[in-house]
N, C-alpha and C. Protein backbone atom coordinates (compact mmCIF):
# COMPACT_ATOMS: atom_id res chain seq x y z
N MET A 1 -13.91 -31.39 7.33
CA MET A 1 -14.69 -30.31 6.73
C MET A 1 -13.71 -29.23 6.15
N ASN A 2 -14.08 -28.74 5.04
CA ASN A 2 -13.31 -27.71 4.36
C ASN A 2 -13.27 -26.45 5.30
N GLU A 3 -12.04 -25.90 5.45
CA GLU A 3 -11.89 -24.76 6.39
C GLU A 3 -12.71 -23.55 5.95
N GLY A 4 -12.80 -23.31 4.63
CA GLY A 4 -13.60 -22.18 4.14
C GLY A 4 -15.09 -22.35 4.49
N LEU A 5 -15.58 -23.59 4.40
CA LEU A 5 -16.95 -23.85 4.81
C LEU A 5 -17.15 -23.71 6.29
N ARG A 6 -16.14 -24.10 7.08
CA ARG A 6 -16.22 -24.03 8.54
C ARG A 6 -16.32 -22.53 8.92
N LYS A 7 -15.49 -21.68 8.31
CA LYS A 7 -15.48 -20.27 8.61
C LYS A 7 -16.83 -19.66 8.27
N PHE A 8 -17.36 -20.08 7.12
CA PHE A 8 -18.63 -19.54 6.67
C PHE A 8 -19.71 -19.94 7.55
N SER A 9 -19.67 -21.18 8.11
CA SER A 9 -20.74 -21.58 9.01
C SER A 9 -20.59 -20.82 10.34
N GLU A 10 -19.34 -20.53 10.80
CA GLU A 10 -19.20 -19.71 12.06
C GLU A 10 -19.78 -18.33 11.84
N ILE A 11 -19.58 -17.77 10.65
CA ILE A 11 -20.14 -16.44 10.38
C ILE A 11 -21.68 -16.51 10.39
N ASP A 12 -22.18 -17.58 9.78
CA ASP A 12 -23.65 -17.80 9.76
C ASP A 12 -24.18 -17.89 11.20
N LYS A 13 -23.43 -18.56 12.12
CA LYS A 13 -23.87 -18.67 13.52
C LYS A 13 -23.98 -17.25 14.16
N VAL A 14 -22.94 -16.40 13.91
CA VAL A 14 -22.93 -15.11 14.42
C VAL A 14 -24.14 -14.28 13.89
N LYS A 15 -24.33 -14.38 12.54
CA LYS A 15 -25.45 -13.74 11.93
C LYS A 15 -26.77 -14.13 12.57
N TYR A 16 -26.90 -15.41 12.80
CA TYR A 16 -28.18 -15.94 13.36
C TYR A 16 -28.42 -15.43 14.76
N LYS A 17 -27.30 -15.38 15.56
CA LYS A 17 -27.46 -14.97 16.97
C LYS A 17 -27.73 -13.50 17.08
N ILE A 18 -27.13 -12.64 16.30
CA ILE A 18 -27.29 -11.20 16.46
C ILE A 18 -28.35 -10.62 15.48
N GLY A 19 -28.70 -11.32 14.51
CA GLY A 19 -29.69 -10.86 13.51
C GLY A 19 -28.98 -10.31 12.32
N PRO A 20 -29.56 -10.45 11.12
CA PRO A 20 -28.94 -10.04 9.90
C PRO A 20 -28.71 -8.50 9.81
N PHE A 21 -29.65 -7.73 10.38
CA PHE A 21 -29.48 -6.27 10.29
C PHE A 21 -28.29 -5.80 11.11
N VAL A 22 -28.13 -6.26 12.36
CA VAL A 22 -27.01 -5.91 13.20
C VAL A 22 -25.74 -6.43 12.66
N PHE A 23 -25.72 -7.62 12.06
CA PHE A 23 -24.53 -8.19 11.45
C PHE A 23 -24.09 -7.33 10.30
N SER A 24 -25.02 -6.90 9.42
CA SER A 24 -24.64 -6.06 8.27
C SER A 24 -24.13 -4.73 8.77
N MET A 25 -24.66 -4.18 9.83
CA MET A 25 -24.17 -2.89 10.35
C MET A 25 -22.76 -3.03 10.88
N LEU A 26 -22.47 -4.14 11.57
CA LEU A 26 -21.13 -4.34 12.11
C LEU A 26 -20.13 -4.58 10.95
N LEU A 27 -20.55 -5.30 9.97
CA LEU A 27 -19.68 -5.52 8.79
C LEU A 27 -19.38 -4.22 8.07
N ALA A 28 -20.42 -3.37 7.90
CA ALA A 28 -20.19 -2.07 7.27
C ALA A 28 -19.25 -1.20 8.05
N ALA A 29 -19.37 -1.21 9.38
CA ALA A 29 -18.52 -0.43 10.25
C ALA A 29 -17.08 -0.90 10.14
N HIS A 30 -16.93 -2.20 10.08
CA HIS A 30 -15.56 -2.77 9.97
C HIS A 30 -14.90 -2.36 8.59
N ILE A 31 -15.66 -2.48 7.52
CA ILE A 31 -15.14 -2.09 6.22
C ILE A 31 -14.82 -0.58 6.20
N SER A 32 -15.73 0.20 6.77
CA SER A 32 -15.58 1.68 6.77
C SER A 32 -14.31 2.05 7.61
N SER A 33 -14.06 1.37 8.70
CA SER A 33 -12.89 1.71 9.53
C SER A 33 -11.61 1.44 8.74
N HIS A 34 -11.59 0.41 7.91
CA HIS A 34 -10.39 0.16 7.11
C HIS A 34 -10.27 1.18 6.00
N ALA A 35 -11.38 1.62 5.44
CA ALA A 35 -11.36 2.71 4.42
C ALA A 35 -10.77 3.98 4.99
N GLU A 36 -11.16 4.34 6.28
CA GLU A 36 -10.73 5.53 6.91
C GLU A 36 -9.19 5.39 7.23
N GLU A 37 -8.77 4.17 7.57
CA GLU A 37 -7.30 4.02 7.74
C GLU A 37 -6.54 4.38 6.52
N LYS A 38 -6.98 3.97 5.37
CA LYS A 38 -6.30 4.22 4.10
C LYS A 38 -6.38 5.70 3.76
N SER A 39 -7.52 6.33 4.04
CA SER A 39 -7.71 7.78 3.64
C SER A 39 -6.81 8.69 4.40
N HIS A 40 -6.34 8.36 5.57
CA HIS A 40 -5.44 9.28 6.31
C HIS A 40 -4.07 9.24 5.77
N LEU A 41 -3.71 8.32 4.90
CA LEU A 41 -2.41 8.13 4.45
C LEU A 41 -1.93 9.27 3.51
N THR A 42 -2.88 9.86 2.82
CA THR A 42 -2.49 10.98 1.91
C THR A 42 -3.19 12.23 2.39
N LEU A 43 -2.46 13.34 2.26
CA LEU A 43 -3.04 14.65 2.68
C LEU A 43 -3.64 15.38 1.47
N CYS A 44 -3.70 14.74 0.33
CA CYS A 44 -4.29 15.36 -0.85
C CYS A 44 -5.82 15.38 -0.74
N ALA A 45 -6.43 16.41 -1.22
CA ALA A 45 -7.87 16.52 -1.26
C ALA A 45 -8.45 15.58 -2.28
N ALA A 46 -9.73 15.24 -2.18
CA ALA A 46 -10.34 14.34 -3.09
C ALA A 46 -10.26 14.83 -4.57
N SER A 47 -10.24 16.16 -4.73
CA SER A 47 -10.17 16.78 -6.04
C SER A 47 -8.76 16.82 -6.61
N GLU A 48 -7.78 16.39 -5.84
CA GLU A 48 -6.38 16.50 -6.28
C GLU A 48 -5.82 15.15 -6.65
N THR A 49 -4.77 15.17 -7.50
CA THR A 49 -4.07 13.98 -7.92
C THR A 49 -2.82 13.85 -7.06
N VAL A 50 -2.55 12.70 -6.51
CA VAL A 50 -1.33 12.45 -5.75
C VAL A 50 -0.13 12.35 -6.69
N LEU A 51 0.91 13.11 -6.46
CA LEU A 51 2.14 13.01 -7.18
C LEU A 51 3.19 12.25 -6.37
N PHE A 52 3.07 12.30 -5.07
CA PHE A 52 3.98 11.59 -4.16
C PHE A 52 3.27 11.50 -2.81
N ASN A 53 3.44 10.36 -2.13
CA ASN A 53 2.85 10.29 -0.77
C ASN A 53 3.79 9.41 0.05
N CYS A 54 4.17 9.98 1.19
CA CYS A 54 5.19 9.33 2.10
C CYS A 54 4.58 9.18 3.48
N GLU A 55 4.48 7.98 3.99
CA GLU A 55 3.98 7.74 5.29
C GLU A 55 5.16 7.72 6.28
N LEU A 56 5.04 8.52 7.28
CA LEU A 56 6.06 8.52 8.34
C LEU A 56 5.45 7.95 9.63
N GLN A 57 6.13 7.97 10.67
CA GLN A 57 5.65 7.28 11.91
C GLN A 57 4.25 7.77 12.29
N HIS A 58 4.09 9.05 12.47
CA HIS A 58 2.78 9.56 12.86
C HIS A 58 2.23 10.64 11.95
N LYS A 59 2.93 10.84 10.81
CA LYS A 59 2.55 11.89 9.89
C LYS A 59 2.67 11.44 8.46
N SER A 60 2.27 12.26 7.54
CA SER A 60 2.42 12.00 6.15
C SER A 60 2.96 13.21 5.43
N ALA A 61 3.59 12.98 4.28
CA ALA A 61 4.00 14.05 3.42
C ALA A 61 3.41 13.77 2.05
N SER A 62 2.70 14.72 1.46
CA SER A 62 2.06 14.54 0.19
C SER A 62 2.32 15.62 -0.74
N LEU A 63 2.55 15.34 -2.04
CA LEU A 63 2.66 16.30 -3.05
C LEU A 63 1.41 16.13 -3.94
N CYS A 64 0.58 17.17 -4.03
CA CYS A 64 -0.70 17.08 -4.60
C CYS A 64 -0.86 18.00 -5.80
N PHE A 65 -1.60 17.61 -6.84
CA PHE A 65 -1.78 18.45 -8.00
C PHE A 65 -3.30 18.71 -8.26
N ASP A 66 -3.66 19.94 -8.28
CA ASP A 66 -5.06 20.32 -8.59
C ASP A 66 -5.11 20.68 -10.06
N GLU A 67 -5.61 19.76 -10.83
CA GLU A 67 -5.62 19.96 -12.33
C GLU A 67 -6.51 21.15 -12.73
N LYS A 68 -7.52 21.42 -12.01
CA LYS A 68 -8.49 22.47 -12.38
C LYS A 68 -7.80 23.81 -12.35
N ILE A 69 -7.04 24.12 -11.29
CA ILE A 69 -6.37 25.38 -11.19
C ILE A 69 -4.88 25.32 -11.46
N LYS A 70 -4.38 24.14 -11.86
CA LYS A 70 -2.97 23.92 -12.18
C LYS A 70 -2.04 24.30 -11.06
N LEU A 71 -2.38 23.82 -9.87
CA LEU A 71 -1.61 24.15 -8.66
C LEU A 71 -1.08 22.86 -7.99
N ILE A 72 0.22 22.92 -7.64
CA ILE A 72 0.89 21.86 -6.94
C ILE A 72 1.06 22.31 -5.52
N LYS A 73 0.78 21.46 -4.55
CA LYS A 73 0.96 21.76 -3.13
C LYS A 73 1.69 20.65 -2.38
N TYR A 74 2.59 20.99 -1.51
CA TYR A 74 3.23 20.05 -0.63
C TYR A 74 2.59 20.22 0.76
N ARG A 75 2.19 19.10 1.33
CA ARG A 75 1.59 19.11 2.65
C ARG A 75 2.30 18.10 3.52
N PHE A 76 2.58 18.54 4.76
CA PHE A 76 3.21 17.72 5.78
C PHE A 76 2.48 17.78 7.07
N GLY A 77 2.18 16.69 7.68
CA GLY A 77 1.41 16.60 8.96
C GLY A 77 0.46 15.46 9.00
N THR A 78 -0.68 15.77 9.54
CA THR A 78 -1.80 14.79 9.66
C THR A 78 -3.03 15.42 9.09
N ARG A 79 -4.07 14.60 8.89
CA ARG A 79 -5.39 15.13 8.45
C ARG A 79 -5.93 16.13 9.41
N VAL A 80 -5.61 15.96 10.72
CA VAL A 80 -6.12 16.86 11.76
C VAL A 80 -5.30 18.16 11.78
N LYS A 81 -4.00 18.04 11.63
CA LYS A 81 -3.14 19.25 11.68
C LYS A 81 -2.00 19.12 10.67
N GLU A 82 -2.05 20.03 9.64
CA GLU A 82 -1.03 20.06 8.68
C GLU A 82 0.07 21.07 9.19
N ASN A 83 1.27 20.54 9.44
CA ASN A 83 2.32 21.35 10.00
C ASN A 83 2.93 22.31 8.96
N LEU A 84 2.89 21.85 7.70
CA LEU A 84 3.48 22.68 6.60
C LEU A 84 2.67 22.52 5.39
N ILE A 85 2.35 23.66 4.78
CA ILE A 85 1.70 23.65 3.48
C ILE A 85 2.52 24.62 2.62
N TYR A 86 2.92 24.17 1.47
CA TYR A 86 3.71 25.00 0.53
C TYR A 86 3.14 24.84 -0.86
N PRO A 87 2.88 25.93 -1.55
CA PRO A 87 2.84 27.33 -1.06
C PRO A 87 1.59 27.52 -0.21
N LYS A 88 1.71 28.52 0.70
CA LYS A 88 0.64 28.80 1.62
C LYS A 88 -0.56 29.43 0.92
N THR A 89 -0.30 30.26 -0.05
CA THR A 89 -1.41 30.88 -0.81
C THR A 89 -1.43 30.40 -2.24
N PRO A 90 -2.62 30.17 -2.76
CA PRO A 90 -2.68 29.69 -4.12
C PRO A 90 -2.06 30.72 -5.13
N ALA A 91 -1.12 30.24 -5.88
CA ALA A 91 -0.46 31.04 -6.88
C ALA A 91 -0.01 30.17 -7.99
N LYS A 92 0.16 30.74 -9.14
CA LYS A 92 0.67 29.91 -10.25
C LYS A 92 2.10 29.47 -9.87
N ASN A 93 2.31 28.21 -9.75
CA ASN A 93 3.59 27.72 -9.21
C ASN A 93 4.26 26.63 -10.09
N GLU A 94 4.00 26.75 -11.39
CA GLU A 94 4.49 25.66 -12.25
C GLU A 94 6.00 25.55 -12.25
N TYR A 95 6.73 26.64 -11.84
CA TYR A 95 8.20 26.56 -11.80
C TYR A 95 8.73 26.44 -10.36
N SER A 96 7.87 26.29 -9.35
CA SER A 96 8.34 26.16 -8.00
C SER A 96 8.87 24.79 -7.69
N PHE A 97 8.33 23.76 -8.36
CA PHE A 97 8.73 22.40 -8.14
C PHE A 97 9.51 21.98 -9.37
N LYS A 98 10.71 21.44 -9.10
CA LYS A 98 11.58 21.02 -10.22
C LYS A 98 11.96 19.54 -10.12
N LEU A 99 11.95 18.84 -11.18
CA LEU A 99 12.23 17.46 -11.26
C LEU A 99 13.68 17.17 -11.81
N SER A 100 14.37 16.27 -11.19
CA SER A 100 15.68 15.80 -11.78
C SER A 100 15.78 14.30 -11.58
N THR A 101 16.54 13.69 -12.49
CA THR A 101 16.72 12.23 -12.46
C THR A 101 18.17 11.86 -12.83
N THR A 102 18.57 10.77 -12.29
CA THR A 102 19.89 10.21 -12.66
C THR A 102 19.81 8.67 -12.67
N PRO A 103 20.52 8.04 -13.61
CA PRO A 103 20.53 6.61 -13.61
C PRO A 103 21.61 6.06 -12.66
N TYR A 104 21.36 4.91 -12.12
CA TYR A 104 22.33 4.11 -11.35
C TYR A 104 22.43 2.76 -11.95
N PRO A 105 23.52 2.00 -11.75
CA PRO A 105 23.52 0.60 -12.21
C PRO A 105 22.36 -0.16 -11.61
N GLY A 106 21.48 -0.63 -12.43
CA GLY A 106 20.27 -1.39 -11.97
C GLY A 106 19.20 -0.52 -11.35
N GLY A 107 19.13 0.78 -11.67
CA GLY A 107 18.10 1.61 -11.08
C GLY A 107 18.31 3.08 -11.40
N GLY A 108 17.99 3.91 -10.45
CA GLY A 108 18.11 5.36 -10.62
C GLY A 108 17.54 6.13 -9.47
N GLU A 109 17.66 7.43 -9.54
CA GLU A 109 17.10 8.24 -8.47
C GLU A 109 16.33 9.43 -9.18
N ASN A 110 15.12 9.68 -8.58
CA ASN A 110 14.24 10.78 -9.02
C ASN A 110 14.12 11.74 -7.84
N ARG A 111 14.12 13.04 -8.13
CA ARG A 111 13.92 14.03 -7.12
C ARG A 111 12.97 15.12 -7.57
N ILE A 112 12.26 15.66 -6.65
CA ILE A 112 11.48 16.84 -6.82
C ILE A 112 11.97 17.85 -5.79
N ARG A 113 12.41 19.03 -6.25
CA ARG A 113 12.98 20.02 -5.31
C ARG A 113 12.04 21.24 -5.31
N PHE A 114 11.96 21.79 -4.12
CA PHE A 114 11.29 23.11 -3.99
C PHE A 114 11.97 23.88 -2.86
N ALA A 115 11.95 25.20 -2.96
CA ALA A 115 12.59 25.98 -1.93
C ALA A 115 11.50 26.76 -1.14
N ASN A 116 11.68 26.86 0.15
CA ASN A 116 10.78 27.60 1.03
C ASN A 116 11.67 28.45 1.97
N GLY A 117 11.93 29.68 1.58
CA GLY A 117 12.84 30.52 2.31
C GLY A 117 14.25 29.96 2.27
N ILE A 118 14.89 29.72 3.42
CA ILE A 118 16.29 29.20 3.44
C ILE A 118 16.35 27.69 3.40
N TYR A 119 15.18 27.05 3.20
CA TYR A 119 15.07 25.60 3.23
C TYR A 119 14.87 25.09 1.77
N ASN A 120 15.59 24.03 1.43
CA ASN A 120 15.34 23.31 0.20
C ASN A 120 14.88 21.92 0.60
N TYR A 121 13.80 21.48 -0.08
CA TYR A 121 13.19 20.17 0.19
C TYR A 121 13.45 19.30 -1.03
N PHE A 122 13.89 18.13 -0.81
CA PHE A 122 14.13 17.16 -1.89
C PHE A 122 13.28 15.92 -1.64
N ILE A 123 12.19 15.77 -2.38
CA ILE A 123 11.37 14.56 -2.37
C ILE A 123 12.07 13.57 -3.29
N TYR A 124 12.34 12.41 -2.81
CA TYR A 124 13.15 11.46 -3.67
C TYR A 124 12.61 10.06 -3.63
N ASP A 125 12.93 9.31 -4.71
CA ASP A 125 12.76 7.90 -4.73
C ASP A 125 13.97 7.30 -5.41
N ILE A 126 14.53 6.24 -4.83
CA ILE A 126 15.77 5.62 -5.31
C ILE A 126 15.55 4.15 -5.56
N THR A 127 16.01 3.59 -6.64
CA THR A 127 16.00 2.16 -6.88
C THR A 127 17.40 1.76 -7.20
N ARG A 128 17.93 0.80 -6.49
CA ARG A 128 19.29 0.26 -6.71
C ARG A 128 19.19 -1.23 -6.66
N SER A 129 20.15 -1.87 -7.35
CA SER A 129 20.31 -3.31 -7.37
C SER A 129 21.36 -3.67 -6.41
N GLN A 130 21.13 -4.78 -5.67
CA GLN A 130 22.12 -5.32 -4.75
C GLN A 130 22.32 -6.82 -5.10
N GLN A 131 23.54 -7.17 -5.33
CA GLN A 131 23.79 -8.54 -5.78
C GLN A 131 24.66 -9.27 -4.79
N ASP A 132 24.19 -10.49 -4.49
CA ASP A 132 25.07 -11.39 -3.71
C ASP A 132 25.40 -12.59 -4.61
N LYS A 133 25.94 -13.64 -4.05
CA LYS A 133 26.36 -14.76 -4.84
C LYS A 133 25.22 -15.51 -5.55
N THR A 134 24.00 -15.44 -5.02
CA THR A 134 22.94 -16.23 -5.59
C THR A 134 21.85 -15.44 -6.29
N SER A 135 21.72 -14.10 -5.98
CA SER A 135 20.61 -13.38 -6.60
C SER A 135 20.88 -11.86 -6.65
N ILE A 136 20.05 -11.19 -7.42
CA ILE A 136 20.09 -9.73 -7.53
C ILE A 136 18.76 -9.25 -7.00
N ASP A 137 18.87 -8.38 -5.99
CA ASP A 137 17.67 -7.79 -5.40
C ASP A 137 17.57 -6.31 -5.75
N SER A 138 16.35 -5.87 -5.93
CA SER A 138 16.10 -4.45 -6.14
C SER A 138 15.72 -3.84 -4.79
N ILE A 139 16.46 -2.74 -4.43
CA ILE A 139 16.24 -2.05 -3.18
C ILE A 139 15.62 -0.72 -3.47
N GLN A 140 14.49 -0.40 -2.87
CA GLN A 140 13.82 0.87 -3.11
C GLN A 140 13.75 1.65 -1.83
N THR A 141 14.05 2.91 -1.89
CA THR A 141 13.88 3.84 -0.72
C THR A 141 13.28 5.17 -1.23
N ALA A 142 12.61 5.79 -0.35
CA ALA A 142 12.03 7.10 -0.70
C ALA A 142 11.91 7.93 0.55
N GLY A 143 11.89 9.22 0.35
CA GLY A 143 11.77 10.13 1.52
C GLY A 143 11.83 11.59 1.12
N ILE A 144 12.07 12.37 2.14
CA ILE A 144 12.23 13.83 1.93
C ILE A 144 13.47 14.24 2.72
N ALA A 145 14.38 14.84 1.97
CA ALA A 145 15.63 15.38 2.59
C ALA A 145 15.42 16.93 2.67
N VAL A 146 15.77 17.49 3.77
CA VAL A 146 15.59 18.92 3.99
C VAL A 146 17.00 19.53 4.28
N TYR A 147 17.27 20.60 3.50
CA TYR A 147 18.56 21.32 3.65
C TYR A 147 18.29 22.75 4.07
N GLU A 148 19.12 23.24 5.02
CA GLU A 148 19.01 24.66 5.43
C GLU A 148 20.36 25.29 5.07
N ASN A 149 20.30 26.31 4.26
CA ASN A 149 21.50 27.00 3.80
C ASN A 149 22.54 26.00 3.32
N GLY A 150 22.16 24.99 2.55
CA GLY A 150 23.07 24.03 1.97
C GLY A 150 23.52 22.90 2.84
N LYS A 151 23.05 22.80 4.10
CA LYS A 151 23.39 21.75 5.01
C LYS A 151 22.19 20.88 5.31
N ARG A 152 22.32 19.54 5.19
CA ARG A 152 21.17 18.70 5.45
C ARG A 152 20.87 18.70 6.94
N ILE A 153 19.62 18.96 7.22
CA ILE A 153 19.16 18.98 8.64
C ILE A 153 18.19 17.83 8.92
N ALA A 154 17.65 17.19 7.86
CA ALA A 154 16.71 16.09 8.11
C ALA A 154 16.70 15.20 6.86
N ASN A 155 16.44 13.95 7.12
CA ASN A 155 16.20 12.96 6.06
C ASN A 155 15.15 12.02 6.52
N LEU A 156 13.90 12.29 6.13
CA LEU A 156 12.78 11.50 6.60
C LEU A 156 12.51 10.39 5.58
N LYS A 157 12.66 9.17 6.11
CA LYS A 157 12.50 7.95 5.26
C LYS A 157 11.03 7.50 5.25
N CYS A 158 10.47 7.25 4.10
CA CYS A 158 9.09 6.79 4.01
C CYS A 158 8.97 5.37 4.55
N GLU A 159 7.90 5.10 5.24
CA GLU A 159 7.63 3.77 5.82
C GLU A 159 6.77 2.90 4.93
N ASN A 160 6.03 3.55 4.00
CA ASN A 160 5.19 2.74 3.09
C ASN A 160 6.10 2.10 2.03
N SER A 161 5.79 0.88 1.74
CA SER A 161 6.68 0.07 0.89
C SER A 161 6.66 0.47 -0.52
N GLU A 162 5.57 0.92 -1.04
CA GLU A 162 5.51 1.25 -2.48
C GLU A 162 5.42 2.75 -2.67
N THR A 163 6.49 3.46 -2.31
CA THR A 163 6.54 4.86 -2.42
C THR A 163 7.38 5.23 -3.62
N SER A 164 6.82 6.07 -4.49
CA SER A 164 7.61 6.57 -5.60
C SER A 164 6.92 7.83 -6.11
N ILE A 165 7.70 8.59 -6.91
CA ILE A 165 7.11 9.76 -7.56
C ILE A 165 6.21 9.23 -8.70
N TYR A 166 4.96 9.64 -8.67
CA TYR A 166 4.03 9.17 -9.67
C TYR A 166 4.29 9.65 -11.07
N PRO A 167 3.91 8.91 -12.09
CA PRO A 167 4.24 9.21 -13.47
C PRO A 167 3.79 10.62 -13.91
N LEU A 168 2.69 11.09 -13.45
CA LEU A 168 2.17 12.44 -13.86
C LEU A 168 3.19 13.52 -13.56
N ALA A 169 3.97 13.37 -12.47
CA ALA A 169 4.95 14.38 -12.14
C ALA A 169 6.02 14.52 -13.24
N PHE A 170 6.34 13.44 -13.91
CA PHE A 170 7.32 13.48 -15.01
C PHE A 170 6.75 14.19 -16.23
N GLU A 171 5.47 14.34 -16.33
CA GLU A 171 4.78 14.99 -17.43
C GLU A 171 4.63 16.48 -17.19
N ILE A 172 4.41 16.85 -15.92
CA ILE A 172 4.03 18.26 -15.67
C ILE A 172 5.14 19.13 -15.06
N LEU A 173 6.17 18.53 -14.46
CA LEU A 173 7.16 19.33 -13.80
C LEU A 173 8.29 19.79 -14.71
N GLN A 174 8.78 20.93 -14.41
CA GLN A 174 9.93 21.49 -15.13
C GLN A 174 11.16 20.71 -14.71
N ARG A 175 12.06 20.42 -15.67
CA ARG A 175 13.27 19.59 -15.32
C ARG A 175 14.41 20.54 -14.97
N GLU A 176 15.32 20.00 -14.13
CA GLU A 176 16.54 20.72 -13.78
C GLU A 176 17.67 19.68 -13.74
N GLU A 177 18.88 20.10 -13.77
CA GLU A 177 20.04 19.21 -13.73
C GLU A 177 20.11 18.54 -12.35
N PHE A 178 20.45 17.28 -12.40
CA PHE A 178 20.59 16.51 -11.16
C PHE A 178 21.83 16.97 -10.39
N SER A 179 21.70 17.19 -9.11
CA SER A 179 22.86 17.64 -8.32
C SER A 179 23.37 16.46 -7.51
N HIS A 180 24.62 16.07 -7.75
CA HIS A 180 25.24 14.95 -7.02
C HIS A 180 25.76 15.44 -5.69
N ASP A 181 25.67 16.75 -5.43
CA ASP A 181 26.12 17.30 -4.10
C ASP A 181 25.10 17.09 -2.99
N ILE A 182 23.90 16.68 -3.37
CA ILE A 182 22.82 16.44 -2.39
C ILE A 182 22.81 14.96 -2.00
N ASN A 183 22.87 14.76 -0.72
CA ASN A 183 22.92 13.35 -0.18
C ASN A 183 21.58 12.97 0.32
N THR A 184 20.95 11.96 -0.31
CA THR A 184 19.65 11.46 0.19
C THR A 184 19.73 10.11 0.82
N ASP A 185 20.94 9.58 0.97
CA ASP A 185 21.15 8.26 1.62
C ASP A 185 21.27 8.48 3.15
């Protein structure tokens, strides 16, 4: 018997035993729980556009853009408790976040920098090529490096596999010169 048909018939047996209404409620709950899992991954509001989203072990870091009021916000924490929101108060901040880029052989690095008191935050994504005798592989890393008075105190690596600075950021952020003095590796 075809495996797909066998699975379908097993599902039909469950539906028959518990009834179609209960089955559809269980199925809806299952689908909803997966949707909620995805929704906690970004800290951006529904009305905001994600410019960057980084999943960490138990937290997320998101850079969000509210097109209506032209405001960019950085959020770090969880949906339940945001540990850091920058800027704290809504203000015109088009020059608070700066974008820089540099090419590498087989890739490049993009950064968004913002300062919060004595701290500088560097949101980054890096693509590099690694070659061995048989193939060339593209290696991608992303994260947030934090500097205090010019000294790196943290480098949080994103755990989500497809993390990068979204294209809209390249359209709306002011550019600055790339600093090779900052280490994001």
